[in-house]
Every structure is written in structure tokens, then in C-alpha cells.
Amino acid sequence: MYLDLLLLAVIICYIVDISGAMRKFRKPFSCSLCMNFHCGILYLLFTGNFTIIGVAFVAFLSMMRTVI
């Protein structure tokens, strides 16, 4: 689960921040912090792993988007 979330964060950071593919869209799609958080929460919900630790990890990955 944690590796999946980390890889999801890397992919989102690449698409939103590095490739520039999302420049023509406006919020919430142009912000990698928002996209990481929302996609991570949806991943946790769909996989049945929605716990406080999972949400905290998603929030941590969203906060670390500039490092990724």
C-alpha cells in the first residue's frame, strides 16, 4: 500500500509539475499537492485501506511533493 502511494505521488508530480501537461487546466488540477492528496484518499477508499495511518501517509506525501 505505501509503495503504491509513493509511486502514485511520483507519477502525479511528474504529470502536474514537470511535464506541464496540466497547465491549461485550473484548480484543483493544476496543484500537485491537491492532486496527490485527493488521489491518495481515493486510492485508500477504493482499496479498503482507509485508516488514520494511511491518511497521515497520504498527507505526508502531499506535503513532500517538492522533494519528490
PDB file of N, CA and C in Angstrom:
ATOM      1  N   MET A   1       0.826  -1.186   0.000  1.00  0.00           N
ATOM      2  CA  MET A   1       0.000   0.000   0.000  1.00  0.00           C
ATOM      3  C   MET A   1       0.870   1.250   0.000  1.00  0.00           C
ATOM      4  N   TYR A   2       1.904   1.299   0.848  1.00  0.00           N
ATOM      5  CA  TYR A   2       2.722   2.507   0.948  1.00  0.00           C
ATOM      6  C   TYR A   2       3.557   2.730  -0.304  1.00  0.00           C
ATOM      7  N   LEU A   3       4.063   1.653  -0.871  1.00  0.00           N
ATOM      8  CA  LEU A   3       4.823   1.780  -2.109  1.00  0.00           C
ATOM      9  C   LEU A   3       3.917   2.243  -3.246  1.00  0.00           C
ATOM     10  N   ASP A   4       2.698   1.732  -3.294  1.00  0.00           N
ATOM     11  CA  ASP A   4       1.741   2.168  -4.309  1.00  0.00           C
ATOM     12  C   ASP A   4       1.455   3.660  -4.187  1.00  0.00           C
ATOM     13  N   LEU A   5       1.273   4.129  -2.968  1.00  0.00           N
ATOM     14  CA  LEU A   5       1.005   5.554  -2.759  1.00  0.00           C
ATOM     15  C   LEU A   5       2.202   6.414  -3.135  1.00  0.00           C
ATOM     16  N   LEU A   6       3.396   5.931  -2.829  1.00  0.00           N
ATOM     17  CA  LEU A   6       4.599   6.676  -3.198  1.00  0.00           C
ATOM     18  C   LEU A   6       4.742   6.764  -4.712  1.00  0.00           C
ATOM     19  N   LEU A   7       4.513   5.665  -5.399  1.00  0.00           N
ATOM     20  CA  LEU A   7       4.592   5.678  -6.862  1.00  0.00           C
ATOM     21  C   LEU A   7       3.504   6.555  -7.469  1.00  0.00           C
ATOM     22  N   LEU A   8       2.314   6.537  -6.884  1.00  0.00           N
ATOM     23  CA  LEU A   8       1.237   7.415  -7.347  1.00  0.00           C
ATOM     24  C   LEU A   8       1.632   8.880  -7.188  1.00  0.00           C
ATOM     25  N   ALA A   9       2.266   9.223  -6.074  1.00  0.00           N
ATOM     26  CA  ALA A   9       2.719  10.597  -5.846  1.00  0.00           C
ATOM     27  C   ALA A   9       3.785  11.008  -6.855  1.00  0.00           C
ATOM     28  N   VAL A  10       4.700  10.096  -7.167  1.00  0.00           N
ATOM     29  CA  VAL A  10       5.738  10.404  -8.149  1.00  0.00           C
ATOM     30  C   VAL A  10       5.123  10.651  -9.518  1.00  0.00           C
ATOM     31  N   ILE A  11       4.170   9.830  -9.907  1.00  0.00           N
ATOM     32  CA  ILE A  11       3.514   9.983 -11.213  1.00  0.00           C
ATOM     33  C   ILE A  11       2.752  11.297 -11.277  1.00  0.00           C
ATOM     34  N   ILE A  12       2.026  11.626 -10.223  1.00  0.00           N
ATOM     35  CA  ILE A  12       1.255  12.871 -10.215  1.00  0.00           C
ATOM     36  C   ILE A  12       2.182  14.080 -10.253  1.00  0.00           C
ATOM     37  N   CYS A  13       3.269  14.043  -9.488  1.00  0.00           N
ATOM     38  CA  CYS A  13       4.226  15.161  -9.509  1.00  0.00           C
ATOM     39  C   CYS A  13       4.828  15.330 -10.892  1.00  0.00           C
ATOM     40  N   TYR A  14       5.108  14.232 -11.556  1.00  0.00           N
ATOM     41  CA  TYR A  14       5.657  14.335 -12.909  1.00  0.00           C
ATOM     42  C   TYR A  14       4.641  14.956 -13.862  1.00  0.00           C
ATOM     43  N   ILE A  15       3.415  14.470 -13.818  1.00  0.00           N
ATOM     44  CA  ILE A  15       2.393  14.962 -14.751  1.00  0.00           C
ATOM     45  C   ILE A  15       2.061  16.425 -14.489  1.00  0.00           C
ATOM     46  N   VAL A  16       1.881  16.796 -13.235  1.00  0.00           N
ATOM     47  CA  VAL A  16       1.427  18.150 -12.917  1.00  0.00           C
ATOM     48  C   VAL A  16       2.571  19.157 -12.944  1.00  0.00           C
ATOM     49  N   ASP A  17       3.696  18.827 -12.317  1.00  0.00           N
ATOM     50  CA  ASP A  17       4.754  19.814 -12.143  1.00  0.00           C
ATOM     51  C   ASP A  17       5.810  19.803 -13.244  1.00  0.00           C
ATOM     52  N   ILE A  18       6.249  18.639 -13.653  1.00  0.00           N
ATOM     53  CA  ILE A  18       7.396  18.567 -14.558  1.00  0.00           C
ATOM     54  C   ILE A  18       6.990  18.612 -16.026  1.00  0.00           C
ATOM     55  N   SER A  19       6.011  17.821 -16.419  1.00  0.00           N
ATOM     56  CA  SER A  19       5.677  17.739 -17.838  1.00  0.00           C
ATOM     57  C   SER A  19       4.918  18.963 -18.338  1.00  0.00           C
ATOM     58  N   GLY A  20       4.204  19.632 -17.458  1.00  0.00           N
ATOM     59  CA  GLY A  20       3.440  20.808 -17.873  1.00  0.00           C
ATOM     60  C   GLY A  20       2.150  20.470 -18.591  1.00  0.00           C
ATOM     61  N   ALA A  21       1.727  19.230 -18.530  1.00  0.00           N
ATOM     62  CA  ALA A  21       0.517  18.814 -19.234  1.00  0.00           C
ATOM     63  C   ALA A  21      -0.743  19.432 -18.635  1.00  0.00           C
ATOM     64  N   MET A  22      -0.683  19.817 -17.382  1.00  0.00           N
ATOM     65  CA  MET A  22      -1.878  20.333 -16.712  1.00  0.00           C
ATOM     66  C   MET A  22      -1.932  21.860 -16.699  1.00  0.00           C
ATOM     67  N   ARG A  23      -1.089  22.534 -17.432  1.00  0.00           N
ATOM     68  CA  ARG A  23      -1.060  24.000 -17.398  1.00  0.00           C
ATOM     69  C   ARG A  23      -2.321  24.637 -17.942  1.00  0.00           C
ATOM     70  N   LYS A  24      -3.010  23.959 -18.849  1.00  0.00           N
ATOM     71  CA  LYS A  24      -4.218  24.556 -19.410  1.00  0.00           C
ATOM     72  C   LYS A  24      -5.428  24.395 -18.506  1.00  0.00           C
ATOM     73  N   PHE A  25      -5.347  23.533 -17.493  1.00  0.00           N
ATOM     74  CA  PHE A  25      -6.434  23.366 -16.538  1.00  0.00           C
ATOM     75  C   PHE A  25      -6.181  24.236 -15.317  1.00  0.00           C
ATOM     76  N   ARG A  26      -7.218  24.589 -14.642  1.00  0.00           N
ATOM     77  CA  ARG A  26      -7.082  25.366 -13.409  1.00  0.00           C
ATOM     78  C   ARG A  26      -7.364  24.475 -12.222  1.00  0.00           C
ATOM     79  N   LYS A  27      -7.342  25.058 -11.054  1.00  0.00           N
ATOM     80  CA  LYS A  27      -7.518  24.298  -9.810  1.00  0.00           C
ATOM     81  C   LYS A  27      -8.771  23.472  -9.851  1.00  0.00           C
ATOM     82  N   PRO A  28      -8.800  22.313  -9.246  1.00  0.00           N
ATOM     83  CA  PRO A  28      -7.808  21.643  -8.416  1.00  0.00           C
ATOM     84  C   PRO A  28      -6.797  20.828  -9.201  1.00  0.00           C
ATOM     85  N   PHE A  29      -6.847  20.876 -10.526  1.00  0.00           N
ATOM     86  CA  PHE A  29      -5.978  20.008 -11.315  1.00  0.00           C
ATOM     87  C   PHE A  29      -4.587  20.565 -11.517  1.00  0.00           C
ATOM     88  N   SER A  30      -4.360  21.840 -11.268  1.00  0.00           N
ATOM     89  CA  SER A  30      -3.044  22.423 -11.508  1.00  0.00           C
ATOM     90  C   SER A  30      -2.151  22.397 -10.273  1.00  0.00           C
ATOM     91  N   CYS A  31      -2.641  21.886  -9.178  1.00  0.00           N
ATOM     92  CA  CYS A  31      -1.881  21.886  -7.923  1.00  0.00           C
ATOM     93  C   CYS A  31      -1.513  20.442  -7.567  1.00  0.00           C
ATOM     94  N   SER A  32      -0.211  20.148  -7.544  1.00  0.00           N
ATOM     95  CA  SER A  32       0.195  18.765  -7.268  1.00  0.00           C
ATOM     96  C   SER A  32      -0.093  18.365  -5.827  1.00  0.00           C
ATOM     97  N   LEU A  33      -0.081  19.311  -4.898  1.00  0.00           N
ATOM     98  CA  LEU A  33      -0.436  18.990  -3.515  1.00  0.00           C
ATOM     99  C   LEU A  33      -1.875  18.492  -3.441  1.00  0.00           C
ATOM    100  N   CYS A  34      -2.790  19.216  -4.083  1.00  0.00           N
ATOM    101  CA  CYS A  34      -4.211  18.826  -4.074  1.00  0.00           C
ATOM    102  C   CYS A  34      -4.428  17.501  -4.797  1.00  0.00           C
ATOM    103  N   MET A  35      -3.773  17.344  -5.944  1.00  0.00           N
ATOM    104  CA  MET A  35      -3.940  16.109  -6.714  1.00  0.00           C
ATOM    105  C   MET A  35      -3.394  14.909  -5.949  1.00  0.00           C
ATOM    106  N   ASN A  36      -2.235  15.065  -5.307  1.00  0.00           N
ATOM    107  CA  ASN A  36      -1.674  13.964  -4.521  1.00  0.00           C
ATOM    108  C   ASN A  36      -2.606  13.583  -3.387  1.00  0.00           C
ATOM    109  N   PHE A  37      -3.130  14.577  -2.692  1.00  0.00           N
ATOM    110  CA  PHE A  37      -3.991  14.284  -1.556  1.00  0.00           C
ATOM    111  C   PHE A  37      -5.292  13.627  -1.998  1.00  0.00           C
ATOM    112  N   HIS A  38      -5.956  14.192  -2.990  1.00  0.00           N
ATOM    113  CA  HIS A  38      -7.246  13.643  -3.421  1.00  0.00           C
ATOM    114  C   HIS A  38      -7.098  12.251  -4.041  1.00  0.00           C
ATOM    115  N   CYS A  39      -6.103  12.060  -4.884  1.00  0.00           N
ATOM    116  CA  CYS A  39      -5.896  10.738  -5.489  1.00  0.00           C
ATOM    117  C   CYS A  39      -5.477   9.709  -4.444  1.00  0.00           C
ATOM    118  N   GLY A  40      -4.680  10.121  -3.473  1.00  0.00           N
ATOM    119  CA  GLY A  40      -4.281   9.208  -2.407  1.00  0.00           C
ATOM    120  C   GLY A  40      -5.451   8.777  -1.546  1.00  0.00           C
ATOM    121  N   ILE A  41      -6.319   9.729  -1.201  1.00  0.00           N
ATOM    122  CA  ILE A  41      -7.514   9.401  -0.410  1.00  0.00           C
ATOM    123  C   ILE A  41      -8.440   8.480  -1.204  1.00  0.00           C
ATOM    124  N   LEU A  42      -8.619   8.757  -2.483  1.00  0.00           N
ATOM    125  CA  LEU A  42      -9.454   7.879  -3.317  1.00  0.00           C
ATOM    126  C   LEU A  42      -8.847   6.481  -3.416  1.00  0.00           C
ATOM    127  N   TYR A  43      -7.537   6.402  -3.538  1.00  0.00           N
ATOM    128  CA  TYR A  43      -6.873   5.095  -3.567  1.00  0.00           C
ATOM    129  C   TYR A  43      -7.131   4.328  -2.279  1.00  0.00           C
ATOM    130  N   LEU A  44      -7.004   5.005  -1.153  1.00  0.00           N
ATOM    131  CA  LEU A  44      -7.257   4.342   0.130  1.00  0.00           C
ATOM    132  C   LEU A  44      -8.703   3.867   0.236  1.00  0.00           C
ATOM    133  N   LEU A  45      -9.633   4.676  -0.232  1.00  0.00           N
ATOM    134  CA  LEU A  45     -11.048   4.293  -0.169  1.00  0.00           C
ATOM    135  C   LEU A  45     -11.346   3.095  -1.060  1.00  0.00           C
ATOM    136  N   PHE A  46     -10.819   3.116  -2.288  1.00  0.00           N
ATOM    137  CA  PHE A  46     -11.129   2.044  -3.236  1.00  0.00           C
ATOM    138  C   PHE A  46     -10.457   0.726  -2.874  1.00  0.00           C
ATOM    139  N   THR A  47      -9.314   0.781  -2.202  1.00  0.00           N
ATOM    140  CA  THR A  47      -8.627  -0.457  -1.836  1.00  0.00           C
ATOM    141  C   THR A  47      -9.016  -0.959  -0.449  1.00  0.00           C
ATOM    142  N   GLY A  48      -9.829  -0.203   0.270  1.00  0.00           N
ATOM    143  CA  GLY A  48     -10.276  -0.629   1.587  1.00  0.00           C
ATOM    144  C   GLY A  48      -9.238  -0.450   2.679  1.00  0.00           C
ATOM    145  N   ASN A  49      -8.276   0.426   2.457  1.00  0.00           N
ATOM    146  CA  ASN A  49      -7.213   0.669   3.430  1.00  0.00           C
ATOM    147  C   ASN A  49      -7.336   2.037   4.096  1.00  0.00           C
ATOM    148  N   PHE A  50      -8.529   2.541   4.207  1.00  0.00           N
ATOM    149  CA  PHE A  50      -8.740   3.883   4.756  1.00  0.00           C
ATOM    150  C   PHE A  50      -8.591   3.836   6.280  1.00  0.00           C
ATOM    151  N   THR A  51      -7.389   4.172   6.753  1.00  0.00           N
ATOM    152  CA  THR A  51      -7.107   4.240   8.178  1.00  0.00           C
ATOM    153  C   THR A  51      -6.456   5.584   8.471  1.00  0.00           C
ATOM    154  N   ILE A  52      -6.323   5.916   9.745  1.00  0.00           N
ATOM    155  CA  ILE A  52      -5.698   7.179  10.106  1.00  0.00           C
ATOM    156  C   ILE A  52      -4.222   7.187   9.716  1.00  0.00           C
ATOM    157  N   ILE A  53      -3.577   6.036   9.762  1.00  0.00           N
ATOM    158  CA  ILE A  53      -2.174   5.945   9.344  1.00  0.00           C
ATOM    159  C   ILE A  53      -2.057   6.156   7.837  1.00  0.00           C
ATOM    160  N   GLY A  54      -2.985   5.584   7.086  1.00  0.00           N
ATOM    161  CA  GLY A  54      -2.987   5.781   5.641  1.00  0.00           C
ATOM    162  C   GLY A  54      -3.216   7.226   5.257  1.00  0.00           C
ATOM    163  N   VAL A  55      -4.157   7.875   5.926  1.00  0.00           N
ATOM    164  CA  VAL A  55      -4.434   9.290   5.644  1.00  0.00           C
ATOM    165  C   VAL A  55      -3.225  10.149   6.019  1.00  0.00           C
ATOM    166  N   ALA A  56      -2.581   9.833   7.139  1.00  0.00           N
ATOM    167  CA  ALA A  56      -1.386  10.575   7.544  1.00  0.00           C
ATOM    168  C   ALA A  56      -0.260  10.390   6.526  1.00  0.00           C
ATOM    169  N   PHE A  57      -0.112   9.182   5.990  1.00  0.00           N
ATOM    170  CA  PHE A  57       0.920   8.940   4.986  1.00  0.00           C
ATOM    171  C   PHE A  57       0.624   9.698   3.704  1.00  0.00           C
ATOM    172  N   VAL A  58      -0.640   9.735   3.307  1.00  0.00           N
ATOM    173  CA  VAL A  58      -1.033  10.499   2.121  1.00  0.00           C
ATOM    174  C   VAL A  58      -0.759  11.988   2.344  1.00  0.00           C
ATOM    175  N   ALA A  59      -1.078  12.490   3.516  1.00  0.00           N
ATOM    176  CA  ALA A  59      -0.819  13.895   3.818  1.00  0.00           C
ATOM    177  C   ALA A  59       0.686  14.182   3.804  1.00  0.00           C
ATOM    178  N   PHE A  60       1.475  13.243   4.334  1.00  0.00           N
ATOM    179  CA  PHE A  60       2.927  13.405   4.313  1.00  0.00           C
ATOM    180  C   PHE A  60       3.461  13.434   2.885  1.00  0.00           C
ATOM    181  N   LEU A  61       2.983  12.536   2.036  1.00  0.00           N
ATOM    182  CA  LEU A  61       3.426  12.527   0.640  1.00  0.00           C
ATOM    183  C   LEU A  61       3.005  13.799  -0.082  1.00  0.00           C
ATOM    184  N   SER A  62       1.823  14.292   0.232  1.00  0.00           N
ATOM    185  CA  SER A  62       1.370  15.539  -0.389  1.00  0.00           C
ATOM    186  C   SER A  62       2.242  16.698   0.032  1.00  0.00           C
ATOM    187  N   MET A  63       2.622  16.724   1.288  1.00  0.00           N
ATOM    188  CA  MET A  63       3.474  17.792   1.800  1.00  0.00           C
ATOM    189  C   MET A  63       4.868  17.711   1.187  1.00  0.00           C
ATOM    190  N   MET A  64       5.351  16.525   0.893  1.00  0.00           N
ATOM    191  CA  MET A  64       6.702  16.334   0.374  1.00  0.00           C
ATOM    192  C   MET A  64       6.771  16.412  -1.154  1.00  0.00           C
ATOM    193  N   ARG A  65       5.765  16.930  -1.805  1.00  0.00           N
ATOM    194  CA  ARG A  65       5.725  16.939  -3.260  1.00  0.00           C
ATOM    195  C   ARG A  65       6.884  17.696  -3.871  1.00  0.00           C
ATOM    196  N   THR A  66       7.411  18.723  -3.195  1.00  0.00           N
ATOM    197  CA  THR A  66       8.537  19.471  -3.753  1.00  0.00           C
ATOM    198  C   THR A  66       9.820  18.661  -3.698  1.00  0.00           C
ATOM    199  N   VAL A  67       9.932  17.739  -2.772  1.00  0.00           N
ATOM    200  CA  VAL A  67      11.123  16.894  -2.662  1.00  0.00           C
ATOM    201  C   VAL A  67      11.093  15.787  -3.709  1.00  0.00           C
ATOM    202  N   ILE A  68       9.887  15.266  -3.977  1.00  0.00           N
ATOM    203  CA  ILE A  68       9.745  14.199  -4.974  1.00  0.00           C
ATOM    204  C   ILE A  68      10.084  14.762  -6.325  1.00  0.00           C
TER     205      ILE A  68
END
